[in-house]
C-alpha atoms as a PDB file:
ATOM      1  CA  UNK A   1     -85.902  82.639  34.781  1.00  0.00           C
ATOM      2  CA  UNK A   2     -83.981  85.442  35.941  1.00  0.00           C
ATOM      3  CA  UNK A   3     -82.472  87.694  33.113  1.00  0.00           C
ATOM      4  CA  UNK A   4     -79.587  90.112  32.591  1.00  0.00           C
ATOM      5  CA  UNK A   5     -78.343  92.266  30.451  1.00  0.00           C
ATOM      6  CA  UNK A   6     -75.268  91.116  28.162  1.00  0.00           C
ATOM      7  CA  UNK A   7     -73.794  93.903  26.447  1.00  0.00           C
ATOM      8  CA  UNK A   8     -73.960  98.001  25.991  1.00  0.00           C
ATOM      9  CA  UNK A   9     -77.219  97.596  24.087  1.00  0.00           C
ATOM     10  CA  UNK A  10     -78.517  95.546  26.628  1.00  0.00           C
ATOM     11  CA  UNK A  11     -79.635  92.447  25.040  1.00  0.00           C
ATOM     12  CA  UNK A  12     -81.547  90.076  27.525  1.00  0.00           C
ATOM     13  CA  UNK A  13     -80.273  86.407  28.239  1.00  0.00           C
ATOM     14  CA  UNK A  14     -81.643  83.682  30.784  1.00  0.00           C
ATOM     15  CA  UNK A  15     -79.143  82.950  33.042  1.00  0.00           C
ATOM     16  CA  UNK A  16     -79.449  79.061  34.101  1.00  0.00           C
ATOM     17  CA  UNK A  17     -78.956  78.164  37.882  1.00  0.00           C
ATOM     18  CA  UNK A  18     -76.448  75.708  38.426  1.00  0.00           C
ATOM     19  CA  UNK A  19     -78.275  71.795  38.175  1.00  0.00           C
ATOM     20  CA  UNK A  20     -76.969  69.271  40.575  1.00  0.00           C
ATOM     21  CA  UNK A  21     -78.054  66.286  38.380  1.00  0.00           C
ATOM     22  CA  UNK A  22     -74.856  63.935  37.686  1.00  0.00           C
ATOM     23  CA  UNK A  23     -74.132  63.234  33.924  1.00  0.00           C
ATOM     24  CA  UNK A  24     -71.988  60.548  32.259  1.00  0.00           C
ATOM     25  CA  UNK A  25     -68.321  61.211  31.270  1.00  0.00           C
ATOM     26  CA  UNK A  26     -67.039  59.713  27.695  1.00  0.00           C
ATOM     27  CA  UNK A  27     -63.967  57.157  28.190  1.00  0.00           C
ATOM     28  CA  UNK A  28     -62.241  59.607  26.075  1.00  0.00           C
ATOM     29  CA  UNK A  29     -61.337  62.360  28.556  1.00  0.00           C
ATOM     30  CA  UNK A  30     -61.582  64.522  25.569  1.00  0.00           C
ATOM     31  CA  UNK A  31     -60.155  68.048  26.171  1.00  0.00           C
ATOM     32  CA  UNK A  32     -63.587  70.889  25.856  1.00  0.00           C
ATOM     33  CA  UNK A  33     -65.542  68.110  26.643  1.00  0.00           C
ATOM     34  CA  UNK A  34     -69.365  68.979  27.570  1.00  0.00           C
ATOM     35  CA  UNK A  35     -70.001  66.348  30.490  1.00  0.00           C
ATOM     36  CA  UNK A  36     -70.004  69.053  33.229  1.00  0.00           C
ATOM     37  CA  UNK A  37     -72.497  71.205  31.906  1.00  0.00           C
ATOM     38  CA  UNK A  38     -74.681  68.768  29.841  1.00  0.00           C
ATOM     39  CA  UNK A  39     -77.176  68.739  32.773  1.00  0.00           C
ATOM     40  CA  UNK A  40     -77.499  72.298  32.148  1.00  0.00           C
ATOM     41  CA  UNK A  41     -77.617  72.311  28.387  1.00  0.00           C
ATOM     42  CA  UNK A  42     -79.974  69.144  28.056  1.00  0.00           C
ATOM     43  CA  UNK A  43     -82.674  71.046  29.265  1.00  0.00           C
ATOM     44  CA  UNK A  44     -82.730  73.342  27.146  1.00  0.00           C
ATOM     45  CA  UNK A  45     -82.708  70.718  24.088  1.00  0.00           C
ATOM     46  CA  UNK A  46     -86.024  69.596  22.288  1.00  0.00           C
ATOM     47  CA  UNK A  47     -87.733  67.113  24.731  1.00  0.00           C
ATOM     48  CA  UNK A  48     -88.350  64.852  21.621  1.00  0.00           C
ATOM     49  CA  UNK A  49     -85.591  64.211  19.401  1.00  0.00           C
ATOM     50  CA  UNK A  50     -85.989  61.904  16.315  1.00  0.00           C
ATOM     51  CA  UNK A  51     -82.383  62.271  14.424  1.00  0.00           C
ATOM     52  CA  UNK A  52     -79.463  64.068  17.142  1.00  0.00           C
ATOM     53  CA  UNK A  53     -76.703  65.206  15.230  1.00  0.00           C
ATOM     54  CA  UNK A  54     -73.687  65.948  17.189  1.00  0.00           C
ATOM     55  CA  UNK A  55     -71.196  68.179  14.619  1.00  0.00           C
ATOM     56  CA  UNK A  56     -68.443  69.130  16.772  1.00  0.00           C
ATOM     57  CA  UNK A  57     -68.867  65.569  18.684  1.00  0.00           C
ATOM     58  CA  UNK A  58     -64.968  65.319  20.649  1.00  0.00           C
ATOM     59  CA  UNK A  59     -65.400  62.649  23.431  1.00  0.00           C
ATOM     60  CA  UNK A  60     -69.524  62.009  22.797  1.00  0.00           C
ATOM     61  CA  UNK A  61     -70.459  62.917  26.115  1.00  0.00           C
ATOM     62  CA  UNK A  62     -72.754  65.784  24.596  1.00  0.00           C
ATOM     63  CA  UNK A  63     -74.431  62.392  23.102  1.00  0.00           C
ATOM     64  CA  UNK A  64     -74.436  60.287  25.562  1.00  0.00           C
ATOM     65  CA  UNK A  65     -76.117  62.279  27.863  1.00  0.00           C
ATOM     66  CA  UNK A  66     -79.066  63.231  25.137  1.00  0.00           C
ATOM     67  CA  UNK A  67     -81.780  60.789  24.599  1.00  0.00           C
ATOM     68  CA  UNK A  68     -82.625  60.614  20.760  1.00  0.00           C
ATOM     69  CA  UNK A  69     -83.927  57.931  18.237  1.00  0.00           C
ATOM     70  CA  UNK A  70     -80.829  57.892  16.179  1.00  0.00           C
ATOM     71  CA  UNK A  71     -77.354  59.540  16.841  1.00  0.00           C
ATOM     72  CA  UNK A  72     -74.970  60.936  14.123  1.00  0.00           C
ATOM     73  CA  UNK A  73     -71.508  61.828  15.788  1.00  0.00           C
ATOM     74  CA  UNK A  74     -69.082  63.780  13.717  1.00  0.00           C
ATOM     75  CA  UNK A  75     -65.514  65.200  14.356  1.00  0.00           C
ATOM     76  CA  UNK A  76     -62.962  66.518  11.764  1.00  0.00           C
ATOM     77  CA  UNK A  77     -60.168  64.925  13.753  1.00  0.00           C
ATOM     78  CA  UNK A  78     -59.850  61.383  12.452  1.00  0.00           C
ATOM     79  CA  UNK A  79     -57.894  59.653  14.965  1.00  0.00           C
ATOM     80  CA  UNK A  80     -60.794  60.940  17.621  1.00  0.00           C
ATOM     81  CA  UNK A  81     -63.071  58.795  15.681  1.00  0.00           C
ATOM     82  CA  UNK A  82     -60.763  56.121  14.965  1.00  0.00           C
ATOM     83  CA  UNK A  83     -61.204  55.702  18.920  1.00  0.00           C
ATOM     84  CA  UNK A  84     -64.751  55.849  19.005  1.00  0.00           C
ATOM     85  CA  UNK A  85     -64.885  52.824  16.423  1.00  0.00           C
ATOM     86  CA  UNK A  86     -62.688  50.789  18.034  1.00  0.00           C
ATOM     87  CA  UNK A  87     -65.095  51.377  21.530  1.00  0.00           C
ATOM     88  CA  UNK A  88     -67.747  50.703  19.720  1.00  0.00           C
ATOM     89  CA  UNK A  89     -66.904  47.539  18.418  1.00  0.00           C
ATOM     90  CA  UNK A  90     -65.078  46.699  22.108  1.00  0.00           C
ATOM     91  CA  UNK A  91     -68.555  47.740  23.984  1.00  0.00           C
ATOM     92  CA  UNK A  92     -70.156  43.857  22.744  1.00  0.00           C
ATOM     93  CA  UNK A  93     -67.324  42.735  25.419  1.00  0.00           C
ATOM     94  CA  UNK A  94     -66.690  45.582  27.110  1.00  0.00           C
ATOM     95  CA  UNK A  95     -65.712  43.210  30.037  1.00  0.00           C
ATOM     96  CA  UNK A  96     -63.383  41.406  28.464  1.00  0.00           C
ATOM     97  CA  UNK A  97     -61.764  44.937  26.603  1.00  0.00           C
ATOM     98  CA  UNK A  98     -61.136  46.376  30.229  1.00  0.00           C
ATOM     99  CA  UNK A  99     -59.395  42.829  31.147  1.00  0.00           C
ATOM    100  CA  UNK A 100     -57.226  42.685  27.919  1.00  0.00           C
ATOM    101  CA  UNK A 101     -56.153  45.865  28.603  1.00  0.00           C
ATOM    102  CA  UNK A 102     -54.868  45.232  32.332  1.00  0.00           C
ATOM    103  CA  UNK A 103     -52.339  43.077  30.558  1.00  0.00           C
ATOM    104  CA  UNK A 104     -50.961  45.547  28.282  1.00  0.00           C
ATOM    105  CA  UNK A 105     -50.945  48.186  31.199  1.00  0.00           C
ATOM    106  CA  UNK A 106     -48.872  44.987  33.101  1.00  0.00           C
ATOM    107  CA  UNK A 107     -46.600  44.514  29.649  1.00  0.00           C
ATOM    108  CA  UNK A 108     -44.956  48.135  29.276  1.00  0.00           C
ATOM    109  CA  UNK A 109     -45.049  48.116  33.542  1.00  0.00           C
ATOM    110  CA  UNK A 110     -47.507  51.369  33.826  1.00  0.00           C
ATOM    111  CA  UNK A 111     -49.951  51.725  37.092  1.00  0.00           C
ATOM    112  CA  UNK A 112     -52.831  51.157  37.977  1.00  0.00           C
ATOM    113  CA  UNK A 113     -54.650  52.298  40.943  1.00  0.00           C
ATOM    114  CA  UNK A 114     -57.981  50.615  39.954  1.00  0.00           C
ATOM    115  CA  UNK A 115     -56.622  47.917  41.388  1.00  0.00           C
ATOM    116  CA  UNK A 116     -55.149  49.135  44.614  1.00  0.00           C
ATOM    117  CA  UNK A 117     -52.328  50.646  46.154  1.00  0.00           C
ATOM    118  CA  UNK A 118     -48.410  50.898  44.796  1.00  0.00           C
ATOM    119  CA  UNK A 119     -45.711  50.943  47.342  1.00  0.00           C
ATOM    120  CA  UNK A 120     -43.319  52.741  44.621  1.00  0.00           C
ATOM    121  CA  UNK A 121     -45.949  55.002  44.100  1.00  0.00           C
ATOM    122  CA  UNK A 122     -46.557  55.638  47.711  1.00  0.00           C
ATOM    123  CA  UNK A 123     -43.185  56.550  48.262  1.00  0.00           C
ATOM    124  CA  UNK A 124     -43.194  58.958  45.022  1.00  0.00           C
ATOM    125  CA  UNK A 125     -46.017  60.668  46.201  1.00  0.00           C
ATOM    126  CA  UNK A 126     -43.702  62.070  49.207  1.00  0.00           C
ATOM    127  CA  UNK A 127     -40.862  63.688  46.945  1.00  0.00           C
ATOM    128  CA  UNK A 128     -43.099  64.379  43.667  1.00  0.00           C
ATOM    129  CA  UNK A 129     -46.292  65.194  44.549  1.00  0.00           C
ATOM    130  CA  UNK A 130     -47.627  66.404  41.444  1.00  0.00           C
ATOM    131  CA  UNK A 131     -46.228  64.202  38.835  1.00  0.00           C
ATOM    132  CA  UNK A 132     -45.687  61.006  40.950  1.00  0.00           C
ATOM    133  CA  UNK A 133     -47.745  59.101  38.299  1.00  0.00           C
ATOM    134  CA  UNK A 134     -45.063  60.411  35.749  1.00  0.00           C
ATOM    135  CA  UNK A 135     -42.079  59.610  37.392  1.00  0.00           C
ATOM    136  CA  UNK A 136     -43.502  55.954  37.811  1.00  0.00           C
ATOM    137  CA  UNK A 137     -44.709  55.620  34.161  1.00  0.00           C
ATOM    138  CA  UNK A 138     -42.405  57.503  32.453  1.00  0.00           C
ATOM    139  CA  UNK A 139     -40.121  54.538  30.792  1.00  0.00           C
ATOM    140  CA  UNK A 140     -43.144  52.578  30.055  1.00  0.00           C
ATOM    141  CA  UNK A 141     -45.134  55.373  28.132  1.00  0.00           C
ATOM    142  CA  UNK A 142     -42.374  56.206  26.028  1.00  0.00           C
ATOM    143  CA  UNK A 143     -41.866  52.341  24.976  1.00  0.00           C
ATOM    144  CA  UNK A 144     -45.773  52.551  24.638  1.00  0.00           C
ATOM    145  CA  UNK A 145     -45.418  55.621  22.611  1.00  0.00           C
ATOM    146  CA  UNK A 146     -42.073  54.149  20.184  1.00  0.00           C
ATOM    147  CA  UNK A 147     -44.095  50.722  19.756  1.00  0.00           C
ATOM    148  CA  UNK A 148     -46.998  52.783  18.721  1.00  0.00           C
ATOM    149  CA  UNK A 149     -45.441  55.084  16.436  1.00  0.00           C
ATOM    150  CA  UNK A 150     -44.402  51.537  14.818  1.00  0.00           C
ATOM    151  CA  UNK A 151     -47.388  50.295  13.971  1.00  0.00           C
ATOM    152  CA  UNK A 152     -50.357  52.765  13.873  1.00  0.00           C
ATOM    153  CA  UNK A 153     -52.892  49.867  13.381  1.00  0.00           C
ATOM    154  CA  UNK A 154     -52.534  49.506  17.179  1.00  0.00           C
ATOM    155  CA  UNK A 155     -55.561  51.359  18.070  1.00  0.00           C
ATOM    156  CA  UNK A 156     -55.661  49.747  22.007  1.00  0.00           C
ATOM    157  CA  UNK A 157     -52.099  51.045  21.891  1.00  0.00           C
ATOM    158  CA  UNK A 158     -53.941  54.678  20.821  1.00  0.00           C
ATOM    159  CA  UNK A 159     -56.054  54.238  23.708  1.00  0.00           C
ATOM    160  CA  UNK A 160     -53.231  53.535  26.583  1.00  0.00           C
ATOM    161  CA  UNK A 161     -51.546  56.660  25.148  1.00  0.00           C
ATOM    162  CA  UNK A 162     -54.748  58.577  25.737  1.00  0.00           C
ATOM    163  CA  UNK A 163     -55.195  57.338  29.480  1.00  0.00           C
ATOM    164  CA  UNK A 164     -51.494  58.251  30.631  1.00  0.00           C
ATOM    165  CA  UNK A 165     -50.670  61.037  28.276  1.00  0.00           C
ATOM    166  CA  UNK A 166     -50.692  64.508  29.386  1.00  0.00           C
ATOM    167  CA  UNK A 167     -53.857  66.172  30.043  1.00  0.00           C
ATOM    168  CA  UNK A 168     -55.207  62.824  28.172  1.00  0.00           C
ATOM    169  CA  UNK A 169     -54.922  64.805  24.669  1.00  0.00           C
ATOM    170  CA  UNK A 170     -54.115  63.294  21.223  1.00  0.00           C
ATOM    171  CA  UNK A 171     -50.861  65.073  19.368  1.00  0.00           C
ATOM    172  CA  UNK A 172     -49.798  64.224  16.423  1.00  0.00           C
ATOM    173  CA  UNK A 173     -46.424  65.890  15.068  1.00  0.00           C
ATOM    174  CA  UNK A 174     -46.054  66.886  11.105  1.00  0.00           C
ATOM    175  CA  UNK A 175     -44.266  63.350  10.571  1.00  0.00           C
ATOM    176  CA  UNK A 176     -47.564  61.745  11.714  1.00  0.00           C
ATOM    177  CA  UNK A 177     -46.357  60.824  15.083  1.00  0.00           C
ATOM    178  CA  UNK A 178     -47.887  60.675  18.461  1.00  0.00           C
ATOM    179  CA  UNK A 179     -45.763  62.997  20.210  1.00  0.00           C
ATOM    180  CA  UNK A 180     -47.208  64.153  23.815  1.00  0.00           C
ATOM    181  CA  UNK A 181     -45.653  63.135  26.792  1.00  0.00           C
ATOM    182  CA  UNK A 182     -46.163  60.970  29.804  1.00  0.00           C
ATOM    183  CA  UNK A 183     -48.955  62.593  32.242  1.00  0.00           C
ATOM    184  CA  UNK A 184     -49.582  62.634  36.315  1.00  0.00           C
ATOM    185  CA  UNK A 185     -52.490  60.163  35.084  1.00  0.00           C
ATOM    186  CA  UNK A 186     -53.194  56.691  34.862  1.00  0.00           C
ATOM    187  CA  UNK A 187     -56.238  54.072  34.818  1.00  0.00           C
ATOM    188  CA  UNK A 188     -58.278  54.024  37.482  1.00  0.00           C
ATOM    189  CA  UNK A 189     -61.864  53.049  38.741  1.00  0.00           C
ATOM    190  CA  UNK A 190     -63.374  56.143  36.795  1.00  0.00           C
ATOM    191  CA  UNK A 191     -61.711  54.892  32.973  1.00  0.00           C
ATOM    192  CA  UNK A 192     -63.332  51.435  33.544  1.00  0.00           C
ATOM    193  CA  UNK A 193     -66.392  53.255  34.909  1.00  0.00           C
ATOM    194  CA  UNK A 194     -66.175  55.650  31.619  1.00  0.00           C
ATOM    195  CA  UNK A 195     -66.077  52.429  29.369  1.00  0.00           C
ATOM    196  CA  UNK A 196     -68.975  50.189  31.046  1.00  0.00           C
ATOM    197  CA  UNK A 197     -71.022  53.263  30.823  1.00  0.00           C
ATOM    198  CA  UNK A 198     -70.057  54.098  27.229  1.00  0.00           C
ATOM    199  CA  UNK A 199     -70.581  50.427  26.088  1.00  0.00           C
ATOM    200  CA  UNK A 200     -74.366  50.811  27.736  1.00  0.00           C
ATOM    201  CA  UNK A 201     -75.148  53.566  25.410  1.00  0.00           C
ATOM    202  CA  UNK A 202     -73.640  52.241  22.350  1.00  0.00           C
ATOM    203  CA  UNK A 203     -75.517  48.641  22.693  1.00  0.00           C
ATOM    204  CA  UNK A 204     -78.922  50.517  23.584  1.00  0.00           C
ATOM    205  CA  UNK A 205     -78.901  53.497  20.450  1.00  0.00           C
ATOM    206  CA  UNK A 206     -78.526  53.202  16.648  1.00  0.00           C
ATOM    207  CA  UNK A 207     -75.164  55.379  16.179  1.00  0.00           C
ATOM    208  CA  UNK A 208     -73.819  56.755  12.780  1.00  0.00           C
ATOM    209  CA  UNK A 209     -69.767  57.645  13.104  1.00  0.00           C
ATOM    210  CA  UNK A 210     -68.457  60.063  10.383  1.00  0.00           C
ATOM    211  CA  UNK A 211     -65.419  62.498  10.255  1.00  0.00           C
ATOM    212  CA  UNK A 212     -66.645  65.488   7.739  1.00  0.00           C
ATOM    213  CA  UNK A 213     -66.223  69.070   7.774  1.00  0.00           C
ATOM    214  CA  UNK A 214     -68.991  70.628   9.928  1.00  0.00           C
ATOM    215  CA  UNK A 215     -70.308  72.157   6.651  1.00  0.00           C
ATOM    216  CA  UNK A 216     -70.717  68.965   4.900  1.00  0.00           C
ATOM    217  CA  UNK A 217     -72.120  67.039   8.093  1.00  0.00           C
ATOM    218  CA  UNK A 218     -75.181  69.018   7.719  1.00  0.00           C
ATOM    219  CA  UNK A 219     -75.450  69.558   4.242  1.00  0.00           C
ATOM    220  CA  UNK A 220     -78.823  67.071   4.353  1.00  0.00           C
ATOM    221  CA  UNK A 221     -82.358  67.204   4.242  1.00  0.00           C
ATOM    222  CA  UNK A 222     -83.841  66.938   7.774  1.00  0.00           C
ATOM    223  CA  UNK A 223     -86.711  65.402   8.942  1.00  0.00           C
ATOM    224  CA  UNK A 224     -89.061  66.336  11.996  1.00  0.00           C
ATOM    225  CA  UNK A 225     -87.798  66.733  14.732  1.00  0.00           C
ATOM    226  CA  UNK A 226     -84.288  66.314  14.310  1.00  0.00           C
ATOM    227  CA  UNK A 227     -81.803  68.663  16.438  1.00  0.00           C
ATOM    228  CA  UNK A 228     -78.216  69.920  15.686  1.00  0.00           C
ATOM    229  CA  UNK A 229     -75.644  70.327  18.525  1.00  0.00           C
ATOM    230  CA  UNK A 230     -72.682  72.202  17.724  1.00  0.00           C
ATOM    231  CA  UNK A 231     -70.240  72.841  20.188  1.00  0.00           C
ATOM    232  CA  UNK A 232     -66.806  74.724  17.780  1.00  0.00           C
ATOM    233  CA  UNK A 233     -63.504  75.522  18.782  1.00  0.00           C
ATOM    234  CA  UNK A 234     -63.362  78.691  21.376  1.00  0.00           C
ATOM    235  CA  UNK A 235     -62.523  81.523  18.993  1.00  0.00           C
ATOM    236  CA  UNK A 236     -60.665  83.179  21.769  1.00  0.00           C
ATOM    237  CA  UNK A 237     -59.370  80.339  23.354  1.00  0.00           C
ATOM    238  CA  UNK A 238     -55.938  79.486  22.283  1.00  0.00           C
ATOM    239  CA  UNK A 239     -55.054  75.720  22.993  1.00  0.00           C
ATOM    240  CA  UNK A 240     -53.778  72.957  20.562  1.00  0.00           C
ATOM    241  CA  UNK A 241     -57.900  72.014  20.218  1.00  0.00           C
ATOM    242  CA  UNK A 242     -58.993  75.311  18.857  1.00  0.00           C
ATOM    243  CA  UNK A 243     -55.457  75.952  16.785  1.00  0.00           C
ATOM    244  CA  UNK A 244     -57.182  75.223  13.396  1.00  0.00           C
ATOM    245  CA  UNK A 245     -60.193  77.649  14.331  1.00  0.00           C
ATOM    246  CA  UNK A 246     -60.184  81.506  12.475  1.00  0.00           C
ATOM    247  CA  UNK A 247     -62.619  83.697  12.092  1.00  0.00           C
ATOM    248  CA  UNK A 248     -63.349  82.440   8.860  1.00  0.00           C
ATOM    249  CA  UNK A 249     -64.622  79.271  10.041  1.00  0.00           C
ATOM    250  CA  UNK A 250     -66.598  81.389  12.946  1.00  0.00           C
ATOM    251  CA  UNK A 251     -68.307  83.215  10.167  1.00  0.00           C
ATOM    252  CA  UNK A 252     -69.064  80.002   7.992  1.00  0.00           C
ATOM    253  CA  UNK A 253     -70.549  78.639  10.518  1.00  0.00           C
ATOM    254  CA  UNK A 254     -72.751  81.394  11.777  1.00  0.00           C
ATOM    255  CA  UNK A 255     -73.890  81.632   8.195  1.00  0.00           C
ATOM    256  CA  UNK A 256     -75.237  77.518   7.714  1.00  0.00           C
ATOM    257  CA  UNK A 257     -76.729  78.000  11.034  1.00  0.00           C
ATOM    258  CA  UNK A 258     -78.750  80.961   9.653  1.00  0.00           C
ATOM    259  CA  UNK A 259     -79.214  78.888   6.755  1.00  0.00           C
ATOM    260  CA  UNK A 260     -80.920  76.104   8.833  1.00  0.00           C
ATOM    261  CA  UNK A 261     -82.851  78.968  10.758  1.00  0.00           C
ATOM    262  CA  UNK A 262     -84.565  79.852   7.558  1.00  0.00           C
ATOM    263  CA  UNK A 263     -85.214  76.211   6.708  1.00  0.00           C
ATOM    264  CA  UNK A 264     -87.074  75.402   9.897  1.00  0.00           C
ATOM    265  CA  UNK A 265     -84.153  73.630  11.339  1.00  0.00           C
ATOM    266  CA  UNK A 266     -83.349  72.988  15.219  1.00  0.00           C
ATOM    267  CA  UNK A 267     -80.372  73.568  16.423  1.00  0.00           C
ATOM    268  CA  UNK A 268     -78.201  74.726  19.485  1.00  0.00           C
ATOM    269  CA  UNK A 269     -74.912  75.905  19.486  1.00  0.00           C
ATOM    270  CA  UNK A 270     -72.365  75.988  22.757  1.00  0.00           C
ATOM    271  CA  UNK A 271     -70.041  79.270  22.904  1.00  0.00           C
ATOM    272  CA  UNK A 272     -68.014  81.205  24.377  1.00  0.00           C
ATOM    273  CA  UNK A 273     -68.433  85.503  24.652  1.00  0.00           C
ATOM    274  CA  UNK A 274     -65.340  86.595  26.457  1.00  0.00           C
ATOM    275  CA  UNK A 275     -62.853  84.884  28.862  1.00  0.00           C
ATOM    276  CA  UNK A 276     -60.931  85.351  31.889  1.00  0.00           C
ATOM    277  CA  UNK A 277     -57.826  86.923  29.929  1.00  0.00           C
ATOM    278  CA  UNK A 278     -59.886  89.585  28.800  1.00  0.00           C
ATOM    279  CA  UNK A 279     -60.581  87.956  25.067  1.00  0.00           C
ATOM    280  CA  UNK A 280     -63.656  89.086  23.181  1.00  0.00           C
ATOM    281  CA  UNK A 281     -65.905  87.506  20.840  1.00  0.00           C
ATOM    282  CA  UNK A 282     -67.389  89.809  19.294  1.00  0.00           C
ATOM    283  CA  UNK A 283     -68.091  88.208  15.614  1.00  0.00           C
ATOM    284  CA  UNK A 284     -70.504  85.600  18.147  1.00  0.00           C
ATOM    285  CA  UNK A 285     -71.664  88.777  20.204  1.00  0.00           C
ATOM    286  CA  UNK A 286     -72.831  90.452  17.196  1.00  0.00           C
ATOM    287  CA  UNK A 287     -74.576  87.255  15.360  1.00  0.00           C
ATOM    288  CA  UNK A 288     -76.446  85.678  18.453  1.00  0.00           C
ATOM    289  CA  UNK A 289     -79.088  89.309  18.706  1.00  0.00           C
ATOM    290  CA  UNK A 290     -81.323  87.344  16.850  1.00  0.00           C
ATOM    291  CA  UNK A 291     -81.529  84.268  18.555  1.00  0.00           C
ATOM    292  CA  UNK A 292     -82.435  83.220  22.439  1.00  0.00           C
ATOM    293  CA  UNK A 293     -79.204  83.203  24.504  1.00  0.00           C
ATOM    294  CA  UNK A 294     -78.641  81.364  27.530  1.00  0.00           C
ATOM    295  CA  UNK A 295     -75.716  82.183  30.291  1.00  0.00           C
ATOM    296  CA  UNK A 296     -74.441  78.620  31.384  1.00  0.00           C
ATOM    297  CA  UNK A 297     -71.884  78.476  34.096  1.00  0.00           C
ATOM    298  CA  UNK A 298     -68.762  76.717  33.515  1.00  0.00           C
ATOM    299  CA  UNK A 299     -66.116  77.506  35.920  1.00  0.00           C
ATOM    300  CA  UNK A 300     -63.237  76.354  33.849  1.00  0.00           C
ATOM    301  CA  UNK A 301     -60.153  74.964  35.713  1.00  0.00           C
ATOM    302  CA  UNK A 302     -56.624  76.414  33.615  1.00  0.00           C
ATOM    303  CA  UNK A 303     -53.922  72.687  33.716  1.00  0.00           C
ATOM    304  CA  UNK A 304     -51.727  75.475  34.079  1.00  0.00           C
ATOM    305  CA  UNK A 305     -52.632  76.974  37.172  1.00  0.00           C
ATOM    306  CA  UNK A 306     -55.293  75.195  39.382  1.00  0.00           C
ATOM    307  CA  UNK A 307     -57.636  78.363  40.158  1.00  0.00           C
ATOM    308  CA  UNK A 308     -61.036  78.148  39.200  1.00  0.00           C
ATOM    309  CA  UNK A 309     -61.844  80.839  36.711  1.00  0.00           C
ATOM    310  CA  UNK A 310     -65.438  82.214  36.649  1.00  0.00           C
ATOM    311  CA  UNK A 311     -66.142  82.303  32.984  1.00  0.00           C
ATOM    312  CA  UNK A 312     -69.707  81.839  31.620  1.00  0.00           C
ATOM    313  CA  UNK A 313     -70.653  79.318  28.278  1.00  0.00           C
ATOM    314  CA  UNK A 314     -73.219  80.829  26.333  1.00  0.00           C
ATOM    315  CA  UNK A 315     -75.746  78.858  24.497  1.00  0.00           C
ATOM    316  CA  UNK A 316     -77.799  80.059  21.724  1.00  0.00           C
ATOM    317  CA  UNK A 317     -80.530  78.700  20.282  1.00  0.00           C
ATOM    318  CA  UNK A 318     -83.117  78.979  17.546  1.00  0.00           C
ATOM    319  CA  UNK A 319     -85.734  76.680  19.479  1.00  0.00           C
END
């Protein structure tokens, strides 16, 4: 494989070529999801994994696209894990769940493009080229949001909010109320397909769900061929997803990984050294020199301007 210097000290990293293999997307459509990168990353994982620990699991795409005997899916966001619990329960009969959700969509008067063209939406497209779904769904979405905030035990409403909300995000205010605005999205064939594939993964595998701090998650005795994958929030990215991550967390993470390496535990971590805005993660750059580093092409697209950013992730591993 081709090698090239990453920094002024000429640390050598391996550049992975783009792979066209298609991966499976999580039905949570999670911000920061690695599903597009999994064809590259999975090639770098150990070939025979016993227990797979997805420490910053998010939507679960890293787990869904990995082969292992047992999966431990973790995320500190309890609402994300609530959705996983909910969808796993529904996976016993996912077709019935998708059918039932059609009635909820209809009840709230939301668009449902999987069922075919909608005359009113087609009219809105001509006037509001980038916000036609949002224009059509706003009233129903606000009613949906209000109903969920009145009764947060209704996880099916939270899932609909995720599908129809801005950028498929999950956000709550200080009062604990869901507060995202409507997005220019709706339930389409991709949603049903993602749910079906997720259910297939759930029904074929042993999966343990937790919602713990990353250090608590990996304080355990590991077995032979166990593997830990970590995709932490990026220190140099400023977004809703990354707002609770800081330099203290970053340093603590790398200390834990060093300790695991000393114990012979296999791990791999995804991160970013620099981005298109000139931000640089010197903590990561200095720490990763002692491990194998792979450069992963990511081509991030910003939600605020639709130009492709020629940005690289790095994958660091002790395997």
